Structures are given as C-alpha cells and as structure tokens.
C-alpha atoms as a PDB file:
ATOM      1  CA  MET A   1      -0.403 -25.601   8.198  1.00  0.00           C
ATOM      2  CA  ASN A   2       3.052 -24.447  10.439  1.00  0.00           C
ATOM      3  CA  GLN A   3       4.736 -23.344   7.047  1.00  0.00           C
ATOM      4  CA  TYR A   4       1.824 -20.948   6.479  1.00  0.00           C
ATOM      5  CA  LYS A   5       1.119 -19.824  10.115  1.00  0.00           C
ATOM      6  CA  GLU A   6       3.543 -17.236   9.934  1.00  0.00           C
ATOM      7  CA  LEU A   7       2.243 -16.075   6.381  1.00  0.00           C
ATOM      8  CA  PHE A   8      -1.393 -16.170   7.641  1.00  0.00           C
ATOM      9  CA  ALA A   9      -0.747 -14.260  10.810  1.00  0.00           C
ATOM     10  CA  GLN A  10       1.308 -11.446   8.308  1.00  0.00           C
ATOM     11  CA  ILE A  11      -2.197 -11.422   6.247  1.00  0.00           C
ATOM     12  CA  CYS A  12      -4.133 -10.641   9.314  1.00  0.00           C
ATOM     13  CA  LYS A  13      -1.758  -8.129  10.646  1.00  0.00           C
ATOM     14  CA  THR A  14      -1.484  -6.313   7.083  1.00  0.00           C
ATOM     15  CA  THR A  15      -5.288  -6.474   6.559  1.00  0.00           C
ATOM     16  CA  ARG A  16      -6.061  -5.218  10.001  1.00  0.00           C
ATOM     17  CA  SER A  17      -3.897  -2.568   9.371  1.00  0.00           C
ATOM     18  CA  LEU A  18      -5.425  -1.624   6.204  1.00  0.00           C
ATOM     19  CA  ALA A  19      -8.889  -1.950   7.876  1.00  0.00           C
ATOM     20  CA  GLU A  20      -7.843   0.601  10.226  1.00  0.00           C
ATOM     21  CA  GLN A  21      -6.768   3.150   7.509  1.00  0.00           C
ATOM     22  CA  VAL A  22     -10.013   2.815   5.694  1.00  0.00           C
ATOM     23  CA  ALA A  23     -11.926   3.399   9.058  1.00  0.00           C
ATOM     24  CA  ASP A  24      -9.751   6.422   9.828  1.00  0.00           C
ATOM     25  CA  TYR A  25     -10.273   7.688   6.092  1.00  0.00           C
ATOM     26  CA  ASP A  26     -13.985   6.983   6.816  1.00  0.00           C
ATOM     27  CA  THR A  27     -14.380   8.741   9.911  1.00  0.00           C
ATOM     28  CA  THR A  28     -12.642  11.718   8.391  1.00  0.00           C
ATOM     29  CA  ASN A  29     -15.175  11.659   5.441  1.00  0.00           C
ATOM     30  CA  HIS A  30     -17.918  11.247   7.804  1.00  0.00           C
ATOM     31  CA  ASP A  31     -18.769   7.840   6.465  1.00  0.00           C
ATOM     32  CA  GLU A  32     -19.832   6.199   9.909  1.00  0.00           C
ATOM     33  CA  LYS A  33     -21.339   3.159   8.145  1.00  0.00           C
ATOM     34  CA  GLY A  34     -18.035   2.442   6.387  1.00  0.00           C
ATOM     35  CA  ALA A  35     -16.025   3.406   9.230  1.00  0.00           C
ATOM     36  CA  ASN A  36     -17.765   0.697  11.282  1.00  0.00           C
ATOM     37  CA  ALA A  37     -17.620  -1.772   8.828  1.00  0.00           C
ATOM     38  CA  ALA A  38     -13.736  -1.299   8.708  1.00  0.00           C
ATOM     39  CA  LEU A  39     -13.552  -1.661  12.336  1.00  0.00           C
ATOM     40  CA  VAL A  40     -15.603  -4.687  12.601  1.00  0.00           C
ATOM     41  CA  MET A  41     -13.150  -6.122   9.605  1.00  0.00           C
ATOM     42  CA  ARG A  42     -10.363  -4.871  11.916  1.00  0.00           C
ATOM     43  CA  ASP A  43     -11.534  -6.733  14.918  1.00  0.00           C
ATOM     44  CA  ASP A  44     -12.232  -9.962  12.886  1.00  0.00           C
ATOM     45  CA  PHE A  45      -8.503 -10.334  11.844  1.00  0.00           C
ATOM     46  CA  ASP A  46      -7.369  -9.146  15.274  1.00  0.00           C
ATOM     47  CA  HIS A  47      -9.299 -12.353  16.417  1.00  0.00           C
ATOM     48  CA  LEU A  48      -8.276 -14.462  13.458  1.00  0.00           C
ATOM     49  CA  ALA A  49      -4.649 -13.669  14.306  1.00  0.00           C
ATOM     50  CA  GLU A  50      -5.264 -14.561  17.834  1.00  0.00           C
ATOM     51  CA  LYS A  51      -6.437 -17.931  16.722  1.00  0.00           C
ATOM     52  CA  ILE A  52      -3.496 -18.339  14.455  1.00  0.00           C
ATOM     53  CA  THR A  53      -1.024 -17.592  17.258  1.00  0.00           C
ATOM     54  CA  ASN A  54      -2.745 -19.624  19.607  1.00  0.00           C
ATOM     55  CA  ASN A  55      -2.535 -22.750  17.082  1.00  0.00           C
ATOM     56  CA  GLU A  56      -6.514 -23.103  17.307  1.00  0.00           C
ATOM     57  CA  GLN A  57      -8.428 -24.955  14.675  1.00  0.00           C
ATOM     58  CA  LEU A  58      -9.349 -22.819  11.812  1.00  0.00           C
ATOM     59  CA  ASP A  59     -12.884 -23.268  10.208  1.00  0.00           C
ATOM     60  CA  LYS A  60     -13.919 -22.633   6.636  1.00  0.00           C
ATOM     61  CA  ASN A  61     -15.126 -19.138   7.639  1.00  0.00           C
ATOM     62  CA  ASP A  62     -11.656 -18.279   8.934  1.00  0.00           C
ATOM     63  CA  TYR A  63     -10.324 -19.476   5.500  1.00  0.00           C
ATOM     64  CA  VAL A  64     -12.734 -17.397   3.902  1.00  0.00           C
ATOM     65  CA  LYS A  65     -11.455 -14.259   5.916  1.00  0.00           C
ATOM     66  CA  LEU A  66      -7.714 -15.654   4.876  1.00  0.00           C
ATOM     67  CA  LEU A  67      -8.767 -15.575   1.269  1.00  0.00           C
ATOM     68  CA  LEU A  68     -10.505 -12.043   1.387  1.00  0.00           C
ATOM     69  CA  GLY A  69      -7.283 -10.614   3.372  1.00  0.00           C
ATOM     70  CA  SER A  70      -4.971 -12.006   0.948  1.00  0.00           C
ATOM     71  CA  MET A  71      -6.709 -10.352  -1.945  1.00  0.00           C
ATOM     72  CA  VAL A  72      -6.798  -7.023  -0.388  1.00  0.00           C
ATOM     73  CA  VAL A  73      -3.180  -7.281   0.552  1.00  0.00           C
ATOM     74  CA  SER A  74      -2.537  -8.483  -3.017  1.00  0.00           C
ATOM     75  CA  ASN A  75      -4.474  -5.609  -4.639  1.00  0.00           C
ATOM     76  CA  ASN A  76      -2.966  -2.965  -1.957  1.00  0.00           C
ATOM     77  CA  LEU A  77       0.618  -4.265  -3.066  1.00  0.00           C
ATOM     78  CA  GLN A  78      -0.228  -4.266  -6.860  1.00  0.00           C
ATOM     79  CA  ASP A  79      -1.461  -0.811  -6.499  1.00  0.00           C
ATOM     80  CA  ARG A  80       1.774   0.389  -4.699  1.00  0.00           C
ATOM     81  CA  LYS A  81       4.045  -1.616  -7.162  1.00  0.00           C
ATOM     82  CA  ASP A  82       2.365   0.201 -10.059  1.00  0.00           C
ATOM     83  CA  MET A  83       2.528   3.708  -8.332  1.00  0.00           C
ATOM     84  CA  LEU A  84       6.354   3.063  -7.661  1.00  0.00           C
ATOM     85  CA  GLU A  85       6.943   1.925 -11.360  1.00  0.00           C
ATOM     86  CA  LYS A  86       5.152   5.204 -12.747  1.00  0.00           C
ATOM     87  CA  ALA A  87       7.176   7.187 -10.293  1.00  0.00           C
ATOM     88  CA  LEU A  88      10.391   5.280 -11.431  1.00  0.00           C
ATOM     89  CA  ASN A  89       9.669   5.573 -15.187  1.00  0.00           C
ATOM     90  CA  ASN A  90       8.866   9.490 -14.504  1.00  0.00           C
ATOM     91  CA  TYR A  91      12.533   9.796 -13.089  1.00  0.00           C
ATOM     92  CA  LYS A  92      14.063   7.634 -15.741  1.00  0.00           C
ATOM     93  CA  ILE A  93      12.293   9.082 -18.851  1.00  0.00           C
ATOM     94  CA  ASP A  94      11.731  12.841 -17.550  1.00  0.00           C
ATOM     95  CA  VAL A  95      13.226  14.054 -14.522  1.00  0.00           C
ATOM     96  CA  ILE A  96      17.190  12.302 -14.711  1.00  0.00           C
ATOM     97  CA  PRO A  97      17.390  13.253 -18.426  1.00  0.00           C
ATOM     98  CA  LYS A  98      16.410  17.087 -17.802  1.00  0.00           C
ATOM     99  CA  LEU A  99      18.618  17.280 -14.908  1.00  0.00           C
ATOM    100  CA  GLU A 100      21.575  15.592 -16.909  1.00  0.00           C
ATOM    101  CA  ARG A 101      21.013  18.322 -19.561  1.00  0.00           C
ATOM    102  CA  VAL A 102      21.125  21.171 -17.096  1.00  0.00           C
ATOM    103  CA  VAL A 103      24.276  19.478 -15.554  1.00  0.00           C
ATOM    104  CA  ASN A 104      26.226  18.804 -19.034  1.00  0.00           C
ATOM    105  CA  GLU A 105      24.920  21.667 -21.211  1.00  0.00           C
ATOM    106  CA  SER A 106      24.299  24.769 -19.385  1.00  0.00           C
ATOM    107  CA  THR A 107      26.737  27.319 -18.449  1.00  0.00           C
ATOM    108  CA  ASP A 108      26.505  30.073 -15.842  1.00  0.00           C
ATOM    109  CA  GLN A 109      24.925  32.265 -18.522  1.00  0.00           C
ATOM    110  CA  THR A 110      22.369  29.604 -19.903  1.00  0.00           C
ATOM    111  CA  LEU A 111      21.628  27.988 -16.868  1.00  0.00           C
ATOM    112  CA  LYS A 112      18.511  29.615 -15.910  1.00  0.00           C
ATOM    113  CA  GLU A 113      17.423  29.874 -19.738  1.00  0.00           C
ATOM    114  CA  LEU A 114      17.625  26.194 -19.917  1.00  0.00           C
ATOM    115  CA  VAL A 115      16.205  25.406 -16.405  1.00  0.00           C
ATOM    116  CA  ASP A 116      13.242  27.570 -17.619  1.00  0.00           C
ATOM    117  CA  GLU A 117      12.969  25.813 -20.678  1.00  0.00           C
ATOM    118  CA  LEU A 118      13.207  22.173 -19.222  1.00  0.00           C
ATOM    119  CA  PHE A 119      10.984  22.682 -15.805  1.00  0.00           C
ATOM    120  CA  ASN A 120       8.562  25.550 -16.790  1.00  0.00           C
END
C-alpha cells in the first residue's frame, strides 16, 4: 500500500478539486441539488485523504471511492488531452501554415490581400 499512498492521496486531492468546480458551476446555474451532491463528494474525498495521510485502515467503501475518483480523474485527463490534441492539430494544419504563407509569400503591397484571403 505504501507505494500507492501518494497516488491515492493525489486521486483524493484531484477528485476533491473537480467536485469543488462542479459545485461552483452548479451553484452558478442554480442547481442546488447538484451543488450539494458535489459538496458531499468533496467532503468525502477530504475525509478519505485524511485517512490515507494518517495511515488508517481503508475499508471496501474507501476503495470504491478511490475507484470512482480514479475514473473521474481519468475521464477528465482524457478530455483535456483530446482538447489539447485538437488545439495542437489546429495549429499544425491551419494556423502555422497560413502564417508561414503570410511571412514567406507576402510583400508590403500584397500583405493585406493575403491576410484577408487566409483569415477572413
């Protein structure tokens, strides 16, 4: 368990943070039930993090929470990875080639025309 203690604590910390973000979002959108559920989740992961930090014995329910937290974190990381890959691809196949064209092919006289063609 010692080799996983830090990982489990990080799962708790990240899941807690995500739950807090959901609570804030739900509060902003007047979803009191959702916000309350997210706050309960936040508190559950705070308590679990304390158990892990204090080297207390974890029960099956704690491992269920770690599993759910791991799944939430994994999905969040996948979403972020997908978003970053999409942005990176957009730069590589669209923005950079167009800017290279502007830099390499335009003159003072044709700059505006080429920029309008490529970016408007």
